Amino acid sequence: MRQSRRLALISFVLLLPATCAPRSITPVVDSSQESGPAIIDWSDWGLTLNIAVVDDRVDYSKLAARSEPLDRFLAQVGRIGPNNAPDQFPRPEHAQAYYINCYNAAILRGNLELLRPKPLHLFVAGNPDSRFRFRIDGRMCLPADLRREALKLAGDDWRVRFSLCDGTLGGPPLNRHAFLPDMLDAQLNEAVRSALASPQIVAIQHGERKQLMLWRGIFDTREQFVKDYERRTGARSATILNVLLEWTPNDPARRSLLNSAVGYEVVAAPTNRASNAVAQADAAK
């Protein structure tokens, strides 16, 4: 009973920021870096990911102890972006990588703010896209705005959905490398493969109700996935299962599991708002 009350209290406390007006976060950096070089540089974001990402989780304890690179990166993209420095974004891939990285960084920094001073909680309640505002490319915006920009640039490229980590276990994991314009195509492919390997993204229920359970990001746009598959392969009457199998060519165990779901009802998986924070036992290793 005591544990249940504690979990309820944590959920309530974490819900409060989501029900109030979004709060602005201004990264605190050395004054000499406020005007920094006007050239986009992904090194601090890459360092942040190297510090924080553990498999498919985030170690917020480590990030809290070494948050300077994340704040330096957010301060930089607060000044530099496709609008303020268009010459640095000559191709759509440059802007696409920019908005993906900025979205992921904003979510990470927002969760870090939310979870302080205790960096590990059990739930992330409310909408992680709208809790905090950040200055990005010279204007204040929500992570939701950055997500929209990324998806707008993506057009029919559904892979971009898998590159956007909302900080919960129910969504795609945070990629451990910064997305780079010249490597974007290969990195998006890897983001899809990494996400589809997670039981939070694709799960199979063999009980009385036989179901193929899909993350909302797949379920809501599954027709688009299937049409793209048919266009590329020339197949007819394809299913979402055909698409999933195509993206797991080197994982025999996963392919076997997917094949066991032939004919199953396709449904949306329940939304999982649990934090993607690494477990304390894992963090101590």
Protein backbone atom coordinates (compact mmCIF):
# COMPACT_ATOMS: atom_id res chain seq x y z
CA MET A 1 0.00 0.00 0.00
CA ARG A 2 2.81 2.41 0.91
CA GLN A 3 4.52 1.70 -2.43
CA SER A 4 1.26 2.37 -4.30
CA ARG A 5 0.83 5.72 -2.52
CA ARG A 6 4.42 6.64 -3.37
CA LEU A 7 3.93 5.84 -7.06
CA ALA A 8 0.69 7.82 -7.12
CA LEU A 9 2.45 10.81 -5.56
CA ILE A 10 5.28 10.64 -8.08
CA SER A 11 2.80 10.49 -10.95
CA PHE A 12 0.92 13.50 -9.58
CA VAL A 13 4.07 15.57 -9.07
CA LEU A 14 5.34 14.82 -12.56
CA LEU A 15 1.96 15.66 -14.04
CA LEU A 16 1.99 19.21 -12.66
CA PRO A 17 4.38 20.73 -15.26
CA ALA A 18 2.29 19.24 -18.07
CA THR A 19 -0.90 20.88 -16.83
CA CYS A 20 0.63 24.36 -16.41
CA ALA A 21 1.85 26.79 -19.05
CA PRO A 22 5.15 25.64 -20.60
CA ARG A 23 8.20 26.95 -18.75
CA SER A 24 11.19 28.32 -20.63
CA ILE A 25 14.61 26.75 -20.13
CA THR A 26 17.66 28.90 -20.80
CA PRO A 27 20.90 26.91 -20.82
CA VAL A 28 23.52 28.27 -18.42
CA VAL A 29 26.86 28.39 -20.23
CA ASP A 30 30.11 30.29 -19.91
CA SER A 31 29.60 33.88 -21.06
CA SER A 32 32.41 33.51 -23.60
CA GLN A 33 30.33 30.87 -25.38
CA GLU A 34 27.14 32.90 -25.60
CA SER A 35 28.25 34.39 -28.89
CA GLY A 36 30.44 31.34 -29.81
CA PRO A 37 31.38 30.46 -33.38
CA ALA A 38 28.56 30.92 -35.85
CA ILE A 39 29.21 27.48 -37.32
CA ILE A 40 27.01 24.52 -36.46
CA ASP A 41 28.99 21.91 -34.52
CA TRP A 42 27.56 18.57 -33.38
CA SER A 43 30.45 17.63 -31.07
CA ASP A 44 28.79 18.67 -27.80
CA TRP A 45 25.63 16.81 -28.74
CA GLY A 46 27.69 13.75 -29.62
CA LEU A 47 29.45 13.99 -26.24
CA THR A 48 26.09 14.30 -24.47
CA LEU A 49 24.84 11.12 -26.12
CA ASN A 50 28.06 9.32 -25.25
CA ILE A 51 27.55 10.30 -21.60
CA ALA A 52 23.85 9.58 -21.33
CA VAL A 53 22.83 6.68 -23.59
CA VAL A 54 23.05 3.18 -22.14
CA ASP A 55 21.68 0.61 -24.59
CA ASP A 56 18.06 1.77 -25.11
CA ARG A 57 17.90 3.85 -21.91
CA VAL A 58 19.18 7.18 -20.60
CA ASP A 59 21.37 7.51 -17.51
CA TYR A 60 20.06 10.77 -16.07
CA SER A 61 22.40 10.50 -13.07
CA LYS A 62 25.44 10.71 -15.33
CA LEU A 63 23.82 13.43 -17.41
CA ALA A 64 23.02 15.52 -14.34
CA ALA A 65 26.67 15.32 -13.27
CA ARG A 66 27.93 16.30 -16.74
CA SER A 67 25.22 18.44 -18.31
CA GLU A 68 27.54 21.18 -19.62
CA PRO A 69 27.88 19.74 -23.16
CA LEU A 70 24.08 19.52 -23.49
CA ASP A 71 23.64 23.11 -22.35
CA ARG A 72 26.43 24.29 -24.68
CA PHE A 73 24.73 22.52 -27.59
CA LEU A 74 21.33 24.04 -26.82
CA ALA A 75 22.92 27.48 -26.46
CA GLN A 76 24.54 27.03 -29.86
CA VAL A 77 21.40 25.90 -31.71
CA GLY A 78 19.56 28.72 -29.97
CA ARG A 79 21.62 31.07 -32.14
CA ILE A 80 22.21 28.99 -35.27
CA GLY A 81 19.69 27.26 -37.50
CA PRO A 82 18.16 27.12 -40.98
CA ASN A 83 16.52 30.54 -40.54
CA ASN A 84 19.42 32.42 -38.93
CA ALA A 85 22.20 30.79 -40.94
CA PRO A 86 20.69 29.38 -44.16
CA ASP A 87 24.10 29.08 -45.83
CA GLN A 88 24.98 26.30 -43.38
CA PHE A 89 21.93 24.27 -44.41
CA PRO A 90 22.27 24.00 -48.20
CA ARG A 91 20.39 20.69 -48.55
CA PRO A 92 17.21 19.33 -46.95
CA GLU A 93 19.30 16.72 -45.12
CA HIS A 94 21.08 19.48 -43.20
CA ALA A 95 17.84 20.94 -41.86
CA GLN A 96 16.41 17.45 -41.24
CA ALA A 97 19.38 16.40 -39.11
CA TYR A 98 19.21 19.75 -37.30
CA TYR A 99 15.59 19.39 -36.23
CA ILE A 100 15.97 15.74 -35.24
CA ASN A 101 18.96 16.53 -33.03
CA CYS A 102 17.32 19.63 -31.56
CA TYR A 103 14.13 17.74 -30.73
CA ASN A 104 16.00 14.95 -28.99
CA ALA A 105 18.18 17.43 -27.09
CA ALA A 106 15.16 19.46 -25.97
CA ILE A 107 13.37 16.36 -24.69
CA LEU A 108 16.50 15.21 -22.89
CA ARG A 109 17.05 18.61 -21.27
CA GLY A 110 13.38 18.90 -20.34
CA ASN A 111 13.38 15.51 -18.66
CA LEU A 112 16.57 16.37 -16.84
CA GLU A 113 14.91 19.52 -15.52
CA LEU A 114 11.79 17.63 -14.56
CA LEU A 115 13.60 14.88 -12.74
CA ARG A 116 15.91 17.08 -10.66
CA PRO A 117 16.98 16.89 -7.87
CA LYS A 118 16.23 13.15 -7.94
CA PRO A 119 17.33 12.05 -11.41
CA LEU A 120 15.38 8.80 -11.53
CA HIS A 121 11.60 8.51 -11.26
CA LEU A 122 9.30 5.82 -12.48
CA PHE A 123 6.92 7.83 -14.64
CA VAL A 124 6.93 10.59 -17.20
CA ALA A 125 3.35 11.87 -17.11
CA GLY A 126 1.67 14.28 -19.48
CA ASN A 127 2.96 15.27 -22.91
CA PRO A 128 6.78 15.48 -23.10
CA ASP A 129 6.48 17.59 -26.26
CA SER A 130 4.90 20.56 -24.50
CA ARG A 131 6.31 20.92 -20.99
CA PHE A 132 9.18 23.33 -21.72
CA ARG A 133 10.14 25.98 -24.23
CA PHE A 134 13.62 26.44 -25.69
CA ARG A 135 15.24 29.05 -27.89
CA ILE A 136 16.00 27.27 -31.16
CA ASP A 137 17.21 29.10 -34.26
CA GLY A 138 16.49 32.45 -32.64
CA ARG A 139 12.90 31.79 -31.55
CA MET A 140 11.20 30.22 -28.56
CA CYS A 141 9.51 26.93 -29.35
CA LEU A 142 8.29 23.67 -27.87
CA PRO A 143 9.72 20.26 -28.71
CA ALA A 144 6.38 19.69 -30.46
CA ASP A 145 7.29 22.49 -32.89
CA LEU A 146 10.64 20.83 -33.63
CA ARG A 147 8.90 17.48 -34.20
CA ARG A 148 6.52 19.12 -36.69
CA GLU A 149 9.43 20.68 -38.58
CA ALA A 150 11.24 17.34 -38.74
CA LEU A 151 8.16 15.49 -40.00
CA LYS A 152 7.29 18.24 -42.48
CA LEU A 153 10.75 18.02 -44.01
CA ALA A 154 10.49 14.23 -44.04
CA GLY A 155 7.44 14.23 -46.31
CA ASP A 156 6.81 10.59 -47.21
CA ASP A 157 9.95 9.37 -45.45
CA TRP A 158 8.32 7.58 -42.51
CA ARG A 159 11.73 6.54 -41.10
CA VAL A 160 12.14 9.95 -39.45
CA ARG A 161 9.48 9.03 -36.87
CA PHE A 162 11.89 6.44 -35.49
CA SER A 163 14.64 9.04 -34.96
CA LEU A 164 12.57 11.16 -32.55
CA CYS A 165 12.86 10.04 -28.92
CA ASP A 166 10.16 11.45 -26.62
CA GLY A 167 11.85 10.28 -23.42
CA THR A 168 9.48 7.40 -22.66
CA LEU A 169 9.84 3.65 -22.88
CA GLY A 170 6.84 3.54 -25.18
CA GLY A 171 8.63 5.30 -28.04
CA PRO A 172 11.80 4.83 -30.09
CA PRO A 173 15.07 4.74 -28.12
CA LEU A 174 17.50 7.64 -28.18
CA ASN A 175 20.14 7.11 -30.85
CA ARG A 176 23.65 7.04 -29.38
CA HIS A 177 25.09 9.15 -32.20
CA ALA A 178 24.23 12.60 -33.49
CA PHE A 179 22.36 12.55 -36.79
CA LEU A 180 24.61 14.00 -39.49
CA PRO A 181 23.52 15.28 -42.92
CA ASP A 182 26.00 13.20 -44.91
CA MET A 183 25.10 10.00 -43.02
CA LEU A 184 21.40 10.64 -42.53
CA ASP A 185 20.04 7.96 -44.85
CA ALA A 186 22.06 5.17 -43.22
CA GLN A 187 21.36 6.52 -39.73
CA LEU A 188 17.61 6.57 -40.33
CA ASN A 189 17.76 2.96 -41.46
CA GLU A 190 19.60 2.06 -38.28
CA ALA A 191 17.08 3.99 -36.17
CA VAL A 192 14.25 1.92 -37.70
CA ARG A 193 16.05 -1.39 -37.12
CA SER A 194 16.92 -0.45 -33.54
CA ALA A 195 13.36 0.58 -32.71
CA LEU A 196 11.73 -2.46 -34.31
CA ALA A 197 13.88 -4.72 -32.15
CA SER A 198 12.18 -3.32 -29.05
CA PRO A 199 9.13 -5.11 -27.61
CA GLN A 200 7.79 -1.64 -26.76
CA ILE A 201 7.54 -0.89 -30.48
CA VAL A 202 6.42 -4.27 -31.80
CA ALA A 203 4.97 -6.93 -29.51
CA ILE A 204 3.05 -10.14 -30.11
CA GLN A 205 0.32 -11.51 -27.90
CA HIS A 206 -0.31 -15.24 -28.29
CA GLY A 207 -3.12 -15.49 -25.76
CA GLU A 208 -6.83 -15.87 -26.33
CA ARG A 209 -6.77 -12.69 -28.42
CA LYS A 210 -3.94 -13.17 -30.90
CA GLN A 211 -2.59 -9.71 -31.63
CA LEU A 212 0.29 -7.97 -33.34
CA MET A 213 0.69 -4.88 -31.15
CA LEU A 214 2.31 -1.81 -32.71
CA TRP A 215 3.61 1.47 -31.33
CA ARG A 216 1.25 4.30 -32.32
CA GLY A 217 3.90 5.79 -34.59
CA ILE A 218 3.61 2.67 -36.74
CA PHE A 219 -0.05 1.82 -36.22
CA ASP A 220 -1.41 5.24 -37.20
CA THR A 221 0.60 5.36 -40.45
CA ARG A 222 0.83 1.66 -41.30
CA GLU A 223 -0.88 2.14 -44.66
CA GLN A 224 1.90 4.54 -45.66
CA PHE A 225 4.52 1.95 -44.64
CA VAL A 226 2.80 -0.75 -46.69
CA LYS A 227 2.41 1.43 -49.80
CA ASP A 228 6.08 2.36 -49.64
CA TYR A 229 6.98 -1.34 -49.38
CA GLU A 230 4.81 -2.24 -52.36
CA ARG A 231 6.28 0.59 -54.41
CA ARG A 232 9.84 -0.52 -53.72
CA THR A 233 9.33 -4.26 -54.05
CA GLY A 234 6.55 -4.54 -56.62
CA ALA A 235 4.58 -6.67 -54.16
CA ARG A 236 0.79 -6.67 -54.08
CA SER A 237 -1.57 -7.10 -51.15
CA ALA A 238 1.32 -6.64 -48.70
CA THR A 239 0.75 -6.31 -44.98
CA ILE A 240 2.49 -4.43 -42.20
CA LEU A 241 4.04 -7.77 -41.21
CA ASN A 242 5.84 -7.88 -44.58
CA VAL A 243 7.31 -4.47 -43.80
CA LEU A 244 8.46 -5.52 -40.34
CA LEU A 245 10.11 -8.66 -41.69
CA GLU A 246 11.97 -6.63 -44.32
CA TRP A 247 13.58 -4.58 -41.56
CA THR A 248 14.83 -7.57 -39.55
CA PRO A 249 16.93 -9.49 -42.12
CA ASN A 250 19.80 -10.32 -39.78
CA ASP A 251 17.82 -11.30 -36.69
CA PRO A 252 16.59 -14.90 -37.08
CA ALA A 253 14.99 -14.99 -33.62
CA ARG A 254 13.04 -11.80 -34.28
CA ARG A 255 11.97 -12.98 -37.73
CA SER A 256 10.74 -16.25 -36.27
CA LEU A 257 8.73 -14.37 -33.68
CA LEU A 258 7.20 -12.10 -36.31
CA ASN A 259 6.34 -15.04 -38.55
CA SER A 260 4.43 -16.56 -35.65
CA ALA A 261 2.03 -13.61 -35.88
CA VAL A 262 0.80 -14.30 -39.41
CA GLY A 263 -2.95 -13.69 -39.49
CA TYR A 264 -3.01 -11.97 -36.11
CA GLU A 265 -5.17 -8.91 -35.45
CA VAL A 266 -3.12 -5.71 -35.78
CA VAL A 267 -3.77 -3.29 -32.92
CA ALA A 268 -2.18 -0.22 -31.32
CA ALA A 269 -0.06 -1.05 -28.28
CA PRO A 270 -1.06 0.65 -25.01
CA THR A 271 0.79 3.92 -24.47
CA ASN A 272 3.71 3.44 -22.09
CA ARG A 273 4.68 6.71 -20.37
CA ALA A 274 7.30 5.09 -18.14
CA SER A 275 10.56 7.04 -18.21
CA ASN A 276 13.38 5.76 -20.40
CA ALA A 277 15.72 6.31 -17.45
CA VAL A 278 18.19 3.50 -16.84
CA ALA A 279 17.38 1.44 -13.75
CA GLN A 280 19.42 2.30 -10.67
CA ALA A 281 20.90 -1.21 -10.54
CA ASP A 282 22.07 -0.88 -14.12
CA ALA A 283 23.44 2.61 -13.54
CA ALA A 284 25.59 1.31 -10.69
CA LYS A 285 27.39 -1.22 -12.89
